[in-house]
Amino acid sequence: MSKVPTLLILSLTVLSVTGCSDRIGMADQAMNDIRNQPAQPIEPPPRAELVEDFVYSAREQRSPFLPPSLVNVEGPTTAIDGVRPDIARVKEPLEQYELSQLVFRGVVTSPEGQRYALVQRPDGSVANAKVGDYLGLNDGRIVEITPTQINLIEILPDSRAGFVEKPQSLVSPIS
């Protein structure tokens, strides 16, 4: 009885090894067939479509992102009204950065009740600013500090009027 199971195990081992080598040979043959086929042509990429330029037509309308208290209902103030940047004014430290480079990080209130906005510079340092201080390259004067944003008025050059005042906001990334 001991010869039968041993013979059976031996024959199964031979068959399984033969089956594996047969499968490996079939896989090698299939890969060689694929390698010997001529290369298939690659489809050209789709042609780029020309897209019409988009003209933003709501530039002169009130920004939906600013509170109505900051929007001049009569339209932008023109140079006729005397809007001009004060070139004699000493620039403040946060005026050397684009507004987009500054990040509003929060508000601190002094014991006297004065609100200070914490503004992060591009180098990672944090400065404080209060209402009346200036931010950005366009003479942006802070008019309001809320828990989620700093509202300011910038003086921008305008080809028609010389300079115009435009409301702007520096919004906290954590709302």
C-alpha atoms as a PDB file:
ATOM      1  CA  MET A   1       0.000   0.000   0.000  1.00  0.00           C
ATOM      2  CA  SER A   2       2.844   2.338   0.557  1.00  0.00           C
ATOM      3  CA  LYS A   3       4.005   2.108  -3.068  1.00  0.00           C
ATOM      4  CA  VAL A   4       0.667   3.275  -4.480  1.00  0.00           C
ATOM      5  CA  PRO A   5       0.510   6.627  -2.673  1.00  0.00           C
ATOM      6  CA  THR A   6       4.167   7.333  -3.413  1.00  0.00           C
ATOM      7  CA  LEU A   7       3.651   6.520  -7.082  1.00  0.00           C
ATOM      8  CA  LEU A   8       0.563   8.708  -7.146  1.00  0.00           C
ATOM      9  CA  ILE A   9       2.399  11.669  -5.583  1.00  0.00           C
ATOM     10  CA  LEU A  10       5.319  11.247  -7.956  1.00  0.00           C
ATOM     11  CA  SER A  11       3.091  11.145 -11.015  1.00  0.00           C
ATOM     12  CA  LEU A  12       1.137  14.247  -9.885  1.00  0.00           C
ATOM     13  CA  THR A  13       4.392  16.157  -9.344  1.00  0.00           C
ATOM     14  CA  VAL A  14       5.617  15.276 -12.842  1.00  0.00           C
ATOM     15  CA  LEU A  15       2.294  16.323 -14.379  1.00  0.00           C
ATOM     16  CA  SER A  16       2.210  19.662 -12.529  1.00  0.00           C
ATOM     17  CA  VAL A  17       5.786  20.516 -13.534  1.00  0.00           C
ATOM     18  CA  THR A  18       5.006  19.569 -17.115  1.00  0.00           C
ATOM     19  CA  GLY A  19       1.887  21.738 -17.019  1.00  0.00           C
ATOM     20  CA  CYS A  20       3.850  24.741 -15.718  1.00  0.00           C
ATOM     21  CA  SER A  21       6.550  24.466 -18.322  1.00  0.00           C
ATOM     22  CA  ASP A  22       3.881  24.109 -20.981  1.00  0.00           C
ATOM     23  CA  ARG A  23       2.156  27.300 -19.763  1.00  0.00           C
ATOM     24  CA  ILE A  24       5.443  29.209 -19.625  1.00  0.00           C
ATOM     25  CA  GLY A  25       6.239  28.064 -23.159  1.00  0.00           C
ATOM     26  CA  MET A  26       2.805  29.202 -24.345  1.00  0.00           C
ATOM     27  CA  ALA A  27       3.295  32.603 -22.701  1.00  0.00           C
ATOM     28  CA  ASP A  28       6.755  32.972 -24.271  1.00  0.00           C
ATOM     29  CA  GLN A  29       5.330  32.070 -27.686  1.00  0.00           C
ATOM     30  CA  ALA A  30       2.491  34.600 -27.322  1.00  0.00           C
ATOM     31  CA  MET A  31       4.937  37.352 -26.299  1.00  0.00           C
ATOM     32  CA  ASN A  32       7.195  36.549 -29.259  1.00  0.00           C
ATOM     33  CA  ASP A  33       4.175  36.720 -31.598  1.00  0.00           C
ATOM     34  CA  ILE A  34       3.266  40.139 -30.209  1.00  0.00           C
ATOM     35  CA  ARG A  35       6.846  41.419 -30.512  1.00  0.00           C
ATOM     36  CA  ASN A  36       7.066  40.258 -34.137  1.00  0.00           C
ATOM     37  CA  GLN A  37       3.889  42.080 -35.200  1.00  0.00           C
ATOM     38  CA  PRO A  38       4.316  45.417 -36.985  1.00  0.00           C
ATOM     39  CA  ALA A  39       3.835  48.503 -34.777  1.00  0.00           C
ATOM     40  CA  GLN A  40       0.309  49.897 -34.695  1.00  0.00           C
ATOM     41  CA  PRO A  41      -0.094  53.521 -35.794  1.00  0.00           C
ATOM     42  CA  ILE A  42      -0.763  56.029 -33.007  1.00  0.00           C
ATOM     43  CA  GLU A  43      -3.819  58.221 -33.444  1.00  0.00           C
ATOM     44  CA  PRO A  44      -2.967  61.922 -33.692  1.00  0.00           C
ATOM     45  CA  PRO A  45      -4.131  64.094 -30.775  1.00  0.00           C
ATOM     46  CA  PRO A  46      -7.414  65.937 -31.259  1.00  0.00           C
ATOM     47  CA  ARG A  47      -7.217  69.376 -32.838  1.00  0.00           C
ATOM     48  CA  ALA A  48      -7.456  72.262 -30.398  1.00  0.00           C
ATOM     49  CA  GLU A  49     -10.649  74.239 -30.684  1.00  0.00           C
ATOM     50  CA  LEU A  50     -10.528  78.003 -30.763  1.00  0.00           C
ATOM     51  CA  VAL A  51     -12.457  79.476 -27.855  1.00  0.00           C
ATOM     52  CA  GLU A  52     -13.872  82.967 -27.978  1.00  0.00           C
ATOM     53  CA  ASP A  53     -12.461  85.462 -25.503  1.00  0.00           C
ATOM     54  CA  PHE A  54     -14.710  86.082 -22.528  1.00  0.00           C
ATOM     55  CA  VAL A  55     -15.413  89.718 -21.846  1.00  0.00           C
ATOM     56  CA  TYR A  56     -16.375  90.337 -18.226  1.00  0.00           C
ATOM     57  CA  SER A  57     -19.222  92.829 -18.380  1.00  0.00           C
ATOM     58  CA  ALA A  58     -20.047  93.230 -14.683  1.00  0.00           C
ATOM     59  CA  ARG A  59     -16.824  95.056 -13.776  1.00  0.00           C
ATOM     60  CA  GLU A  60     -18.649  98.313 -13.122  1.00  0.00           C
ATOM     61  CA  GLN A  61     -21.273  96.693 -10.889  1.00  0.00           C
ATOM     62  CA  ARG A  62     -21.088  96.224  -7.129  1.00  0.00           C
ATOM     63  CA  SER A  63     -19.072  93.235  -5.969  1.00  0.00           C
ATOM     64  CA  PRO A  64     -21.333  90.623  -4.364  1.00  0.00           C
ATOM     65  CA  PHE A  65     -18.497  89.747  -1.975  1.00  0.00           C
ATOM     66  CA  LEU A  66     -18.348  93.134  -0.242  1.00  0.00           C
ATOM     67  CA  PRO A  67     -20.827  94.422   2.335  1.00  0.00           C
ATOM     68  CA  PRO A  68     -23.014  97.277   1.068  1.00  0.00           C
ATOM     69  CA  SER A  69     -21.499  99.608   3.701  1.00  0.00           C
ATOM     70  CA  LEU A  70     -18.209  99.581   1.763  1.00  0.00           C
ATOM     71  CA  VAL A  71     -19.679 100.168  -1.664  1.00  0.00           C
ATOM     72  CA  ASN A  72     -20.009 103.688  -2.986  1.00  0.00           C
ATOM     73  CA  VAL A  73     -23.586 103.663  -4.325  1.00  0.00           C
ATOM     74  CA  GLU A  74     -22.922 106.602  -6.652  1.00  0.00           C
ATOM     75  CA  GLY A  75     -20.079 104.817  -8.428  1.00  0.00           C
ATOM     76  CA  PRO A  76     -16.333 105.202  -8.114  1.00  0.00           C
ATOM     77  CA  THR A  77     -14.936 108.485  -6.884  1.00  0.00           C
ATOM     78  CA  THR A  78     -13.020 110.217  -9.652  1.00  0.00           C
ATOM     79  CA  ALA A  79     -10.005 112.495  -9.689  1.00  0.00           C
ATOM     80  CA  ILE A  80     -12.404 115.421  -9.997  1.00  0.00           C
ATOM     81  CA  ASP A  81     -13.458 114.630  -6.423  1.00  0.00           C
ATOM     82  CA  GLY A  82      -9.790 114.850  -5.378  1.00  0.00           C
ATOM     83  CA  VAL A  83      -8.916 111.164  -5.054  1.00  0.00           C
ATOM     84  CA  ARG A  84      -5.179 110.814  -5.285  1.00  0.00           C
ATOM     85  CA  PRO A  85      -2.631 108.697  -3.434  1.00  0.00           C
ATOM     86  CA  ASP A  86      -0.647 110.671  -0.874  1.00  0.00           C
ATOM     87  CA  ILE A  87       2.882 110.431  -2.255  1.00  0.00           C
ATOM     88  CA  ALA A  88       4.324 112.324   0.721  1.00  0.00           C
ATOM     89  CA  ARG A  89       2.981 109.761   3.209  1.00  0.00           C
ATOM     90  CA  VAL A  90       5.578 107.387   4.695  1.00  0.00           C
ATOM     91  CA  LYS A  91       4.796 103.849   3.536  1.00  0.00           C
ATOM     92  CA  GLU A  92       3.914 101.308   6.216  1.00  0.00           C
ATOM     93  CA  PRO A  93       5.621  97.872   6.426  1.00  0.00           C
ATOM     94  CA  LEU A  94       2.661  95.911   4.970  1.00  0.00           C
ATOM     95  CA  GLU A  95       2.577  98.168   1.881  1.00  0.00           C
ATOM     96  CA  GLN A  96       5.572  96.437   0.311  1.00  0.00           C
ATOM     97  CA  TYR A  97       3.508  93.325  -0.554  1.00  0.00           C
ATOM     98  CA  GLU A  98       0.758  92.582  -3.026  1.00  0.00           C
ATOM     99  CA  LEU A  99      -2.577  92.079  -1.282  1.00  0.00           C
ATOM    100  CA  SER A 100      -2.627  88.528  -2.703  1.00  0.00           C
ATOM    101  CA  GLN A 101       0.636  87.770  -0.862  1.00  0.00           C
ATOM    102  CA  LEU A 102      -0.830  88.667   2.545  1.00  0.00           C
ATOM    103  CA  VAL A 103      -2.957  86.264   4.593  1.00  0.00           C
ATOM    104  CA  PHE A 104      -5.459  87.400   7.228  1.00  0.00           C
ATOM    105  CA  ARG A 105      -4.974  85.090  10.220  1.00  0.00           C
ATOM    106  CA  GLY A 106      -7.324  86.510  12.867  1.00  0.00           C
ATOM    107  CA  VAL A 107      -8.251  89.341  15.217  1.00  0.00           C
ATOM    108  CA  VAL A 108      -6.916  90.364  18.620  1.00  0.00           C
ATOM    109  CA  THR A 109      -8.753  92.882  20.799  1.00  0.00           C
ATOM    110  CA  SER A 110      -6.786  95.023  23.251  1.00  0.00           C
ATOM    111  CA  PRO A 111      -8.050  95.650  26.812  1.00  0.00           C
ATOM    112  CA  GLU A 112      -9.123  99.112  25.630  1.00  0.00           C
ATOM    113  CA  GLY A 113     -11.303  97.543  22.913  1.00  0.00           C
ATOM    114  CA  GLN A 114      -9.049  98.338  19.929  1.00  0.00           C
ATOM    115  CA  ARG A 115      -9.211  95.582  17.279  1.00  0.00           C
ATOM    116  CA  TYR A 116      -5.993  94.471  15.635  1.00  0.00           C
ATOM    117  CA  ALA A 117      -5.883  92.227  12.577  1.00  0.00           C
ATOM    118  CA  LEU A 118      -3.118  89.643  12.427  1.00  0.00           C
ATOM    119  CA  VAL A 119      -1.658  89.591   8.907  1.00  0.00           C
ATOM    120  CA  GLN A 120       0.880  87.022   7.759  1.00  0.00           C
ATOM    121  CA  ARG A 121       3.618  88.211   5.399  1.00  0.00           C
ATOM    122  CA  PRO A 122       5.062  85.999   2.615  1.00  0.00           C
ATOM    123  CA  ASP A 123       8.087  85.164   4.804  1.00  0.00           C
ATOM    124  CA  GLY A 124       5.762  83.654   7.445  1.00  0.00           C
ATOM    125  CA  SER A 125       6.098  86.427  10.034  1.00  0.00           C
ATOM    126  CA  VAL A 126       2.924  87.995  11.421  1.00  0.00           C
ATOM    127  CA  ALA A 127       2.228  91.725  11.767  1.00  0.00           C
ATOM    128  CA  ASN A 128      -0.694  93.541  13.323  1.00  0.00           C
ATOM    129  CA  ALA A 129      -2.777  96.244  11.680  1.00  0.00           C
ATOM    130  CA  LYS A 130      -5.660  98.413  12.849  1.00  0.00           C
ATOM    131  CA  VAL A 131      -8.347 100.520  11.196  1.00  0.00           C
ATOM    132  CA  GLY A 132      -6.622 103.411   9.424  1.00  0.00           C
ATOM    133  CA  ASP A 133      -3.440 101.467   8.636  1.00  0.00           C
ATOM    134  CA  TYR A 134      -2.424 100.671   5.057  1.00  0.00           C
ATOM    135  CA  LEU A 135      -1.959  97.317   3.266  1.00  0.00           C
ATOM    136  CA  GLY A 136      -0.850  96.342  -0.226  1.00  0.00           C
ATOM    137  CA  LEU A 137       0.745  98.196  -3.096  1.00  0.00           C
ATOM    138  CA  ASN A 138      -2.312 100.306  -3.992  1.00  0.00           C
ATOM    139  CA  ASP A 139      -2.620 102.548  -0.909  1.00  0.00           C
ATOM    140  CA  GLY A 140      -5.199 100.221   0.650  1.00  0.00           C
ATOM    141  CA  ARG A 141      -6.496 101.911   3.814  1.00  0.00           C
ATOM    142  CA  ILE A 142      -8.205  99.601   6.339  1.00  0.00           C
ATOM    143  CA  VAL A 143     -11.769 100.758   7.027  1.00  0.00           C
ATOM    144  CA  GLU A 144     -13.139  97.755   8.927  1.00  0.00           C
ATOM    145  CA  ILE A 145     -11.861  94.633  10.689  1.00  0.00           C
ATOM    146  CA  THR A 146     -14.320  91.779  11.223  1.00  0.00           C
ATOM    147  CA  PRO A 147     -13.623  88.311  12.648  1.00  0.00           C
ATOM    148  CA  THR A 148     -13.424  86.878   9.118  1.00  0.00           C
ATOM    149  CA  GLN A 149     -11.998  89.658   6.936  1.00  0.00           C
ATOM    150  CA  ILE A 150     -10.265  93.005   6.603  1.00  0.00           C
ATOM    151  CA  ASN A 151     -12.144  95.544   4.471  1.00  0.00           C
ATOM    152  CA  LEU A 152     -10.111  98.281   2.841  1.00  0.00           C
ATOM    153  CA  ILE A 153     -10.333 100.948   0.178  1.00  0.00           C
ATOM    154  CA  GLU A 154      -7.603 100.995  -2.466  1.00  0.00           C
ATOM    155  CA  ILE A 155      -6.697 103.882  -4.739  1.00  0.00           C
ATOM    156  CA  LEU A 156      -6.173 102.525  -8.245  1.00  0.00           C
ATOM    157  CA  PRO A 157      -5.089 104.321 -11.419  1.00  0.00           C
ATOM    158  CA  ASP A 158      -7.875 104.688 -13.958  1.00  0.00           C
ATOM    159  CA  SER A 159      -7.328 105.761 -17.548  1.00  0.00           C
ATOM    160  CA  ARG A 160     -10.560 107.789 -17.636  1.00  0.00           C
ATOM    161  CA  ALA A 161     -10.502 109.556 -14.291  1.00  0.00           C
ATOM    162  CA  GLY A 162      -6.923 109.501 -13.078  1.00  0.00           C
ATOM    163  CA  PHE A 163      -7.557 107.510  -9.886  1.00  0.00           C
ATOM    164  CA  VAL A 164     -10.541 105.691  -8.409  1.00  0.00           C
ATOM    165  CA  GLU A 165     -11.289 104.258  -4.994  1.00  0.00           C
ATOM    166  CA  LYS A 166     -12.146 100.597  -5.027  1.00  0.00           C
ATOM    167  CA  PRO A 167     -13.281  98.487  -2.065  1.00  0.00           C
ATOM    168  CA  GLN A 168     -11.236  95.356  -1.462  1.00  0.00           C
ATOM    169  CA  SER A 169     -11.193  92.618   1.165  1.00  0.00           C
ATOM    170  CA  LEU A 170      -8.592  90.346   2.660  1.00  0.00           C
ATOM    171  CA  VAL A 171     -10.588  87.275   3.723  1.00  0.00           C
ATOM    172  CA  SER A 172      -9.446  84.694   6.254  1.00  0.00           C
ATOM    173  CA  PRO A 173      -8.760  81.270   4.695  1.00  0.00           C
ATOM    174  CA  ILE A 174     -10.409  79.733   7.782  1.00  0.00           C
ATOM    175  CA  SER A 175     -14.037  80.795   7.831  1.00  0.00           C
END
